[in-house]
Amino acid sequence: MWRQAGPAMFSQPVQMTANTECIVSYKSLTGTYSATGSGLGSGLSVGPLRTVPDACAYTHSADFPGSRSTASYLVDVIITPPPA
C-alpha cells in the first residue's frame, strides 16, 4: 500500500499491484533539486521495489516528466504493506 512520497501524504492509500510499473514524482516549487549522477544507471533493488536501468525522468517545463536520466533525484518512496 502506497501512502507517502517524500514529505507528502496522500489522503487515501494508493493500491499497488506486483510487477506493475508505478511512477512517483514531485515538483519543486523553487525549481531546484538534489541529484546523484548515475545513481540509478544500472537499476536498483531494495526489498520489494526495483527499478530498471535509467529509470529516472525529469522535466523543467511540464508537470509530467518526459526525459529519461540515470541520476537519482534522492526521493524516497515509503511502502506500507496492507494489514494481514
N, C-alpha and C. Protein backbone atom coordinates (compact mmCIF):
# COMPACT_ATOMS: atom_id res chain seq x y z
N MET A 1 0.85 -1.16 0.00
CA MET A 1 0.00 0.00 0.00
C MET A 1 0.90 1.22 0.00
N TRP A 2 0.62 2.16 -0.82
CA TRP A 2 1.45 3.34 -1.03
C TRP A 2 0.82 4.51 -0.32
N ARG A 3 1.50 5.09 0.63
CA ARG A 3 0.88 6.15 1.41
C ARG A 3 1.65 7.46 1.38
N GLN A 4 2.92 7.44 1.09
CA GLN A 4 3.70 8.67 1.24
C GLN A 4 4.76 8.73 0.17
N ALA A 5 4.93 9.87 -0.45
CA ALA A 5 6.02 10.10 -1.38
C ALA A 5 6.73 11.36 -0.90
N GLY A 6 8.01 11.21 -0.48
CA GLY A 6 8.72 12.34 0.11
C GLY A 6 7.97 12.82 1.33
N PRO A 7 7.84 14.14 1.51
CA PRO A 7 7.14 14.66 2.69
C PRO A 7 5.62 14.72 2.49
N ALA A 8 5.11 14.37 1.32
CA ALA A 8 3.67 14.49 1.05
C ALA A 8 2.93 13.22 1.43
N MET A 9 1.79 13.37 2.05
CA MET A 9 0.94 12.23 2.39
C MET A 9 -0.29 12.28 1.50
N PHE A 10 -0.67 11.12 0.97
CA PHE A 10 -1.91 11.03 0.23
C PHE A 10 -3.07 10.93 1.22
N SER A 11 -4.22 11.48 0.86
CA SER A 11 -5.37 11.40 1.76
C SER A 11 -5.92 9.98 1.85
N GLN A 12 -5.74 9.20 0.80
CA GLN A 12 -6.17 7.81 0.77
C GLN A 12 -5.00 6.96 0.27
N PRO A 13 -4.85 5.73 0.76
CA PRO A 13 -3.79 4.86 0.25
C PRO A 13 -3.97 4.60 -1.24
N VAL A 14 -2.86 4.44 -1.94
CA VAL A 14 -2.87 4.13 -3.37
C VAL A 14 -2.54 2.65 -3.50
N GLN A 15 -3.42 1.89 -4.11
CA GLN A 15 -3.20 0.45 -4.28
C GLN A 15 -2.09 0.22 -5.30
N MET A 16 -1.24 -0.74 -5.02
CA MET A 16 -0.17 -1.12 -5.94
C MET A 16 -0.34 -2.59 -6.27
N THR A 17 0.02 -2.95 -7.49
CA THR A 17 -0.06 -4.33 -7.94
C THR A 17 1.34 -4.82 -8.25
N ALA A 18 1.67 -6.02 -7.81
CA ALA A 18 3.01 -6.59 -8.04
C ALA A 18 3.33 -6.60 -9.53
N ASN A 19 4.61 -6.36 -9.83
CA ASN A 19 5.14 -6.38 -11.20
C ASN A 19 4.45 -5.38 -12.13
N THR A 20 4.03 -4.27 -11.58
CA THR A 20 3.41 -3.21 -12.36
C THR A 20 4.23 -1.93 -12.18
N GLU A 21 4.52 -1.26 -13.26
CA GLU A 21 5.31 -0.03 -13.19
C GLU A 21 4.50 1.08 -12.54
N CYS A 22 5.11 1.77 -11.60
CA CYS A 22 4.50 2.92 -10.93
C CYS A 22 5.42 4.12 -11.13
N ILE A 23 4.84 5.27 -11.20
CA ILE A 23 5.62 6.50 -11.35
C ILE A 23 5.41 7.33 -10.09
N VAL A 24 6.51 7.74 -9.49
CA VAL A 24 6.48 8.62 -8.33
C VAL A 24 7.21 9.89 -8.74
N SER A 25 6.58 11.03 -8.54
CA SER A 25 7.23 12.27 -8.94
C SER A 25 6.91 13.37 -7.95
N TYR A 26 7.66 14.42 -8.04
CA TYR A 26 7.38 15.61 -7.26
C TYR A 26 7.75 16.82 -8.10
N LYS A 27 7.22 17.94 -7.73
CA LYS A 27 7.52 19.18 -8.43
C LYS A 27 8.13 20.16 -7.44
N SER A 28 9.29 20.63 -7.75
CA SER A 28 9.96 21.59 -6.88
C SER A 28 9.36 22.97 -7.10
N LEU A 29 8.93 23.58 -6.03
CA LEU A 29 8.36 24.92 -6.14
C LEU A 29 9.41 25.97 -6.43
N THR A 30 10.67 25.67 -6.13
CA THR A 30 11.74 26.63 -6.36
C THR A 30 12.52 26.34 -7.64
N GLY A 31 12.25 25.20 -8.27
CA GLY A 31 12.98 24.84 -9.48
C GLY A 31 14.34 24.22 -9.21
N THR A 32 14.64 23.93 -7.94
CA THR A 32 15.92 23.30 -7.61
C THR A 32 15.68 21.90 -7.07
N TYR A 33 16.69 21.07 -7.15
CA TYR A 33 16.59 19.70 -6.68
C TYR A 33 17.98 19.16 -6.41
N SER A 34 18.05 18.07 -5.67
CA SER A 34 19.31 17.37 -5.43
C SER A 34 19.35 16.14 -6.32
N ALA A 35 20.54 15.76 -6.75
CA ALA A 35 20.66 14.57 -7.61
C ALA A 35 22.05 13.96 -7.44
N THR A 36 22.12 12.65 -7.63
CA THR A 36 23.38 11.93 -7.69
C THR A 36 23.51 11.39 -9.10
N GLY A 37 24.48 11.89 -9.85
CA GLY A 37 24.69 11.46 -11.23
C GLY A 37 24.93 9.96 -11.30
N SER A 38 24.30 9.30 -12.25
CA SER A 38 24.41 7.85 -12.47
C SER A 38 23.98 7.03 -11.26
N GLY A 39 23.23 7.64 -10.36
CA GLY A 39 22.78 6.94 -9.16
C GLY A 39 21.88 5.75 -9.45
N LEU A 40 21.16 5.78 -10.56
CA LEU A 40 20.29 4.67 -10.93
C LEU A 40 20.59 4.17 -12.34
N GLY A 41 21.81 4.40 -12.80
CA GLY A 41 22.19 3.99 -14.14
C GLY A 41 22.10 2.50 -14.39
N SER A 42 22.34 1.70 -13.35
CA SER A 42 22.30 0.25 -13.53
C SER A 42 21.07 -0.37 -12.89
N GLY A 43 20.13 0.43 -12.44
CA GLY A 43 18.95 -0.09 -11.77
C GLY A 43 19.23 -0.32 -10.29
N LEU A 44 18.20 -0.69 -9.55
CA LEU A 44 18.33 -0.84 -8.11
C LEU A 44 17.22 -1.76 -7.61
N SER A 45 17.53 -2.61 -6.66
CA SER A 45 16.53 -3.44 -5.99
C SER A 45 16.68 -3.29 -4.50
N VAL A 46 15.60 -2.93 -3.83
CA VAL A 46 15.58 -2.80 -2.37
C VAL A 46 14.24 -3.37 -1.89
N GLY A 47 14.32 -4.47 -1.16
CA GLY A 47 13.09 -5.11 -0.70
C GLY A 47 12.21 -5.46 -1.89
N PRO A 48 10.92 -5.12 -1.83
CA PRO A 48 10.03 -5.47 -2.93
C PRO A 48 10.09 -4.48 -4.10
N LEU A 49 10.85 -3.40 -3.97
CA LEU A 49 10.90 -2.38 -5.02
C LEU A 49 12.11 -2.57 -5.91
N ARG A 50 11.95 -2.29 -7.17
CA ARG A 50 13.09 -2.34 -8.09
C ARG A 50 12.90 -1.31 -9.20
N THR A 51 14.02 -0.90 -9.76
CA THR A 51 13.99 -0.01 -10.92
C THR A 51 14.76 -0.67 -12.04
N VAL A 52 14.40 -0.31 -13.24
CA VAL A 52 15.17 -0.75 -14.40
C VAL A 52 16.29 0.27 -14.61
N PRO A 53 17.33 -0.08 -15.38
CA PRO A 53 18.38 0.90 -15.66
C PRO A 53 17.80 2.17 -16.30
N ASP A 54 18.38 3.29 -15.97
CA ASP A 54 17.96 4.60 -16.50
C ASP A 54 16.48 4.87 -16.21
N ALA A 55 16.05 4.55 -14.99
CA ALA A 55 14.63 4.62 -14.64
C ALA A 55 14.14 6.03 -14.31
N CYS A 56 15.03 6.94 -14.03
CA CYS A 56 14.59 8.27 -13.61
C CYS A 56 14.18 9.11 -14.81
N ALA A 57 13.36 10.09 -14.53
CA ALA A 57 12.90 11.01 -15.57
C ALA A 57 12.83 12.40 -14.96
N TYR A 58 12.85 13.39 -15.80
CA TYR A 58 12.78 14.76 -15.29
C TYR A 58 12.13 15.67 -16.33
N THR A 59 11.74 16.83 -15.87
CA THR A 59 11.24 17.88 -16.75
C THR A 59 11.54 19.21 -16.09
N HIS A 60 11.72 20.22 -16.91
CA HIS A 60 11.91 21.57 -16.38
C HIS A 60 10.74 22.48 -16.74
N SER A 61 9.87 22.02 -17.63
CA SER A 61 8.82 22.91 -18.10
C SER A 61 7.40 22.33 -18.03
N ALA A 62 7.27 21.03 -17.82
CA ALA A 62 5.94 20.42 -17.80
C ALA A 62 5.68 19.78 -16.45
N ASP A 63 4.48 19.29 -16.26
CA ASP A 63 4.14 18.64 -15.00
C ASP A 63 4.49 17.16 -14.99
N PHE A 64 4.51 16.50 -16.15
CA PHE A 64 4.82 15.08 -16.21
C PHE A 64 6.21 14.90 -16.79
N PRO A 65 7.10 14.18 -16.07
CA PRO A 65 8.47 14.02 -16.57
C PRO A 65 8.51 13.26 -17.89
N GLY A 66 9.32 13.73 -18.82
CA GLY A 66 9.38 13.10 -20.12
C GLY A 66 10.77 12.70 -20.57
N SER A 67 11.82 13.24 -19.97
CA SER A 67 13.18 12.93 -20.37
C SER A 67 13.79 11.93 -19.39
N ARG A 68 14.39 10.85 -19.92
CA ARG A 68 14.98 9.81 -19.06
C ARG A 68 16.35 10.25 -18.57
N SER A 69 16.74 9.70 -17.42
CA SER A 69 18.01 10.06 -16.80
C SER A 69 18.54 8.90 -15.98
N THR A 70 19.85 8.83 -15.80
CA THR A 70 20.45 7.84 -14.91
C THR A 70 20.60 8.38 -13.50
N ALA A 71 20.32 9.67 -13.30
CA ALA A 71 20.51 10.29 -11.99
C ALA A 71 19.47 9.81 -10.98
N SER A 72 19.87 9.77 -9.73
CA SER A 72 18.94 9.54 -8.64
C SER A 72 18.58 10.91 -8.08
N TYR A 73 17.30 11.22 -8.02
CA TYR A 73 16.87 12.52 -7.51
C TYR A 73 16.58 12.50 -6.02
N LEU A 74 17.02 11.44 -5.36
CA LEU A 74 17.03 11.37 -3.90
C LEU A 74 15.66 11.57 -3.27
N VAL A 75 14.65 10.95 -3.86
CA VAL A 75 13.30 10.97 -3.32
C VAL A 75 12.97 9.56 -2.86
N ASP A 76 12.62 9.40 -1.61
CA ASP A 76 12.30 8.09 -1.06
C ASP A 76 10.82 7.77 -1.21
N VAL A 77 10.54 6.54 -1.53
CA VAL A 77 9.17 6.04 -1.57
C VAL A 77 9.00 5.13 -0.36
N ILE A 78 7.96 5.38 0.41
CA ILE A 78 7.71 4.59 1.61
C ILE A 78 6.50 3.70 1.35
N ILE A 79 6.70 2.40 1.48
CA ILE A 79 5.65 1.43 1.24
C ILE A 79 5.17 0.88 2.58
N THR A 80 3.87 0.86 2.79
CA THR A 80 3.30 0.26 3.98
C THR A 80 2.43 -0.91 3.53
N PRO A 81 2.81 -2.14 3.86
CA PRO A 81 2.00 -3.29 3.44
C PRO A 81 0.61 -3.21 4.07
N PRO A 82 -0.39 -3.76 3.38
CA PRO A 82 -1.73 -3.77 3.97
C PRO A 82 -1.75 -4.70 5.18
N PRO A 83 -2.69 -4.47 6.09
CA PRO A 83 -2.78 -5.34 7.27
C PRO A 83 -3.05 -6.79 6.85
N ALA A 84 -2.49 -7.72 7.60
CA ALA A 84 -2.68 -9.16 7.28
C ALA A 84 -4.05 -9.63 7.67
